[in-house]
């Protein structure tokens, strides 16, 4: 892309949502017939979780002369 000399603001952003669920055993129930133990069954609950995150990155780029090639990486870095 050929841009005229000047300053340009490059901007990108993204976001995502991560969801998951899990089943947790919270206890057991014993089953009896005529007073005799037969079996145990698990008591469970289902839990669903959701987390989200996003980022926006911007960078000012200067083109000094016509036809100049400027390489920019839009990577979020700690400053």
C-alpha atoms as a PDB file:
ATOM      1  CA  UNK A   1       0.000   0.000   0.000  1.00  0.00           C
ATOM      2  CA  UNK A   2       1.482   3.349  -0.966  1.00  0.00           C
ATOM      3  CA  UNK A   3       0.695   6.024   1.588  1.00  0.00           C
ATOM      4  CA  UNK A   4       1.501   9.691   1.496  1.00  0.00           C
ATOM      5  CA  UNK A   5       4.083  10.921   4.031  1.00  0.00           C
ATOM      6  CA  UNK A   6       2.547  11.566   7.442  1.00  0.00           C
ATOM      7  CA  UNK A   7       1.536   9.928  10.683  1.00  0.00           C
ATOM      8  CA  UNK A   8      -0.945   7.040  10.721  1.00  0.00           C
ATOM      9  CA  UNK A   9      -2.668   5.355  13.634  1.00  0.00           C
ATOM     10  CA  UNK A  10      -2.791   1.559  13.348  1.00  0.00           C
ATOM     11  CA  UNK A  11      -5.328  -0.079  15.602  1.00  0.00           C
ATOM     12  CA  UNK A  12      -6.432  -3.655  16.201  1.00  0.00           C
ATOM     13  CA  UNK A  13      -8.523  -5.336  18.853  1.00  0.00           C
ATOM     14  CA  UNK A  14      -9.864  -8.757  19.694  1.00  0.00           C
ATOM     15  CA  UNK A  15     -11.845 -10.518  22.370  1.00  0.00           C
ATOM     16  CA  UNK A  16     -12.879 -14.041  23.205  1.00  0.00           C
ATOM     17  CA  UNK A  17     -15.038 -15.981  25.622  1.00  0.00           C
ATOM     18  CA  UNK A  18     -13.983 -19.332  27.027  1.00  0.00           C
ATOM     19  CA  UNK A  19     -16.704 -21.514  28.504  1.00  0.00           C
ATOM     20  CA  UNK A  20     -16.556 -24.925  30.079  1.00  0.00           C
ATOM     21  CA  UNK A  21     -18.559 -27.125  32.371  1.00  0.00           C
ATOM     22  CA  UNK A  22     -17.720 -29.843  34.833  1.00  0.00           C
ATOM     23  CA  UNK A  23     -19.593 -32.418  36.830  1.00  0.00           C
ATOM     24  CA  UNK A  24     -18.714 -32.694  40.507  1.00  0.00           C
ATOM     25  CA  UNK A  25     -19.590 -35.558  42.840  1.00  0.00           C
ATOM     26  CA  UNK A  26     -20.992 -34.009  46.034  1.00  0.00           C
ATOM     27  CA  UNK A  27     -21.971 -37.185  47.862  1.00  0.00           C
ATOM     28  CA  UNK A  28     -23.303 -40.712  47.575  1.00  0.00           C
ATOM     29  CA  UNK A  29     -26.626 -42.363  48.324  1.00  0.00           C
ATOM     30  CA  UNK A  30     -26.666 -45.939  49.597  1.00  0.00           C
ATOM     31  CA  UNK A  31     -29.574 -48.128  48.471  1.00  0.00           C
ATOM     32  CA  UNK A  32     -30.953 -50.946  50.616  1.00  0.00           C
ATOM     33  CA  UNK A  33     -33.563 -53.637  49.931  1.00  0.00           C
ATOM     34  CA  UNK A  34     -35.062 -55.371  52.982  1.00  0.00           C
ATOM     35  CA  UNK A  35     -32.335 -53.857  55.129  1.00  0.00           C
ATOM     36  CA  UNK A  36     -29.520 -55.226  52.965  1.00  0.00           C
ATOM     37  CA  UNK A  37     -27.105 -52.928  51.204  1.00  0.00           C
ATOM     38  CA  UNK A  38     -27.401 -53.194  47.403  1.00  0.00           C
ATOM     39  CA  UNK A  39     -25.392 -50.361  45.858  1.00  0.00           C
ATOM     40  CA  UNK A  40     -24.323 -46.720  46.090  1.00  0.00           C
ATOM     41  CA  UNK A  41     -25.089 -44.033  43.541  1.00  0.00           C
ATOM     42  CA  UNK A  42     -23.235 -40.747  43.113  1.00  0.00           C
ATOM     43  CA  UNK A  43     -24.969 -37.418  43.718  1.00  0.00           C
ATOM     44  CA  UNK A  44     -23.620 -34.882  41.231  1.00  0.00           C
ATOM     45  CA  UNK A  45     -23.991 -31.227  40.313  1.00  0.00           C
ATOM     46  CA  UNK A  46     -23.114 -29.656  36.968  1.00  0.00           C
ATOM     47  CA  UNK A  47     -21.232 -26.361  37.052  1.00  0.00           C
ATOM     48  CA  UNK A  48     -20.752 -24.070  34.045  1.00  0.00           C
ATOM     49  CA  UNK A  49     -18.069 -21.408  33.913  1.00  0.00           C
ATOM     50  CA  UNK A  50     -17.388 -18.584  31.501  1.00  0.00           C
ATOM     51  CA  UNK A  51     -14.466 -16.174  31.279  1.00  0.00           C
ATOM     52  CA  UNK A  52     -13.741 -13.485  28.760  1.00  0.00           C
ATOM     53  CA  UNK A  53     -10.776 -11.381  27.806  1.00  0.00           C
ATOM     54  CA  UNK A  54      -9.787  -8.905  25.168  1.00  0.00           C
ATOM     55  CA  UNK A  55      -7.087  -6.542  24.083  1.00  0.00           C
ATOM     56  CA  UNK A  56      -6.682  -3.495  21.928  1.00  0.00           C
ATOM     57  CA  UNK A  57      -3.372  -2.414  20.488  1.00  0.00           C
ATOM     58  CA  UNK A  58      -2.541   0.813  18.757  1.00  0.00           C
ATOM     59  CA  UNK A  59       0.610   2.185  17.273  1.00  0.00           C
ATOM     60  CA  UNK A  60       1.434   5.466  15.550  1.00  0.00           C
ATOM     61  CA  UNK A  61       3.494   4.950  12.394  1.00  0.00           C
ATOM     62  CA  UNK A  62       5.317   7.703  10.547  1.00  0.00           C
ATOM     63  CA  UNK A  63       5.896   7.541   6.796  1.00  0.00           C
ATOM     64  CA  UNK A  64       8.703  10.014   6.069  1.00  0.00           C
ATOM     65  CA  UNK A  65       8.831   9.926   2.256  1.00  0.00           C
ATOM     66  CA  UNK A  66       6.729   8.535  -0.604  1.00  0.00           C
ATOM     67  CA  UNK A  67       7.366   4.845  -1.266  1.00  0.00           C
ATOM     68  CA  UNK A  68       9.018   4.263   2.114  1.00  0.00           C
ATOM     69  CA  UNK A  69       8.453   0.762   3.468  1.00  0.00           C
ATOM     70  CA  UNK A  70       7.562   0.690   7.165  1.00  0.00           C
ATOM     71  CA  UNK A  71       7.230  -2.673   8.931  1.00  0.00           C
ATOM     72  CA  UNK A  72       5.106  -2.769  12.071  1.00  0.00           C
ATOM     73  CA  UNK A  73       4.182  -5.609  14.408  1.00  0.00           C
ATOM     74  CA  UNK A  74       1.020  -4.979  16.400  1.00  0.00           C
ATOM     75  CA  UNK A  75       1.926  -7.050  19.427  1.00  0.00           C
ATOM     76  CA  UNK A  76       0.932  -6.108  22.930  1.00  0.00           C
ATOM     77  CA  UNK A  77       4.001  -5.662  25.063  1.00  0.00           C
ATOM     78  CA  UNK A  78       4.504  -4.570  28.635  1.00  0.00           C
ATOM     79  CA  UNK A  79       5.907  -1.094  29.009  1.00  0.00           C
END
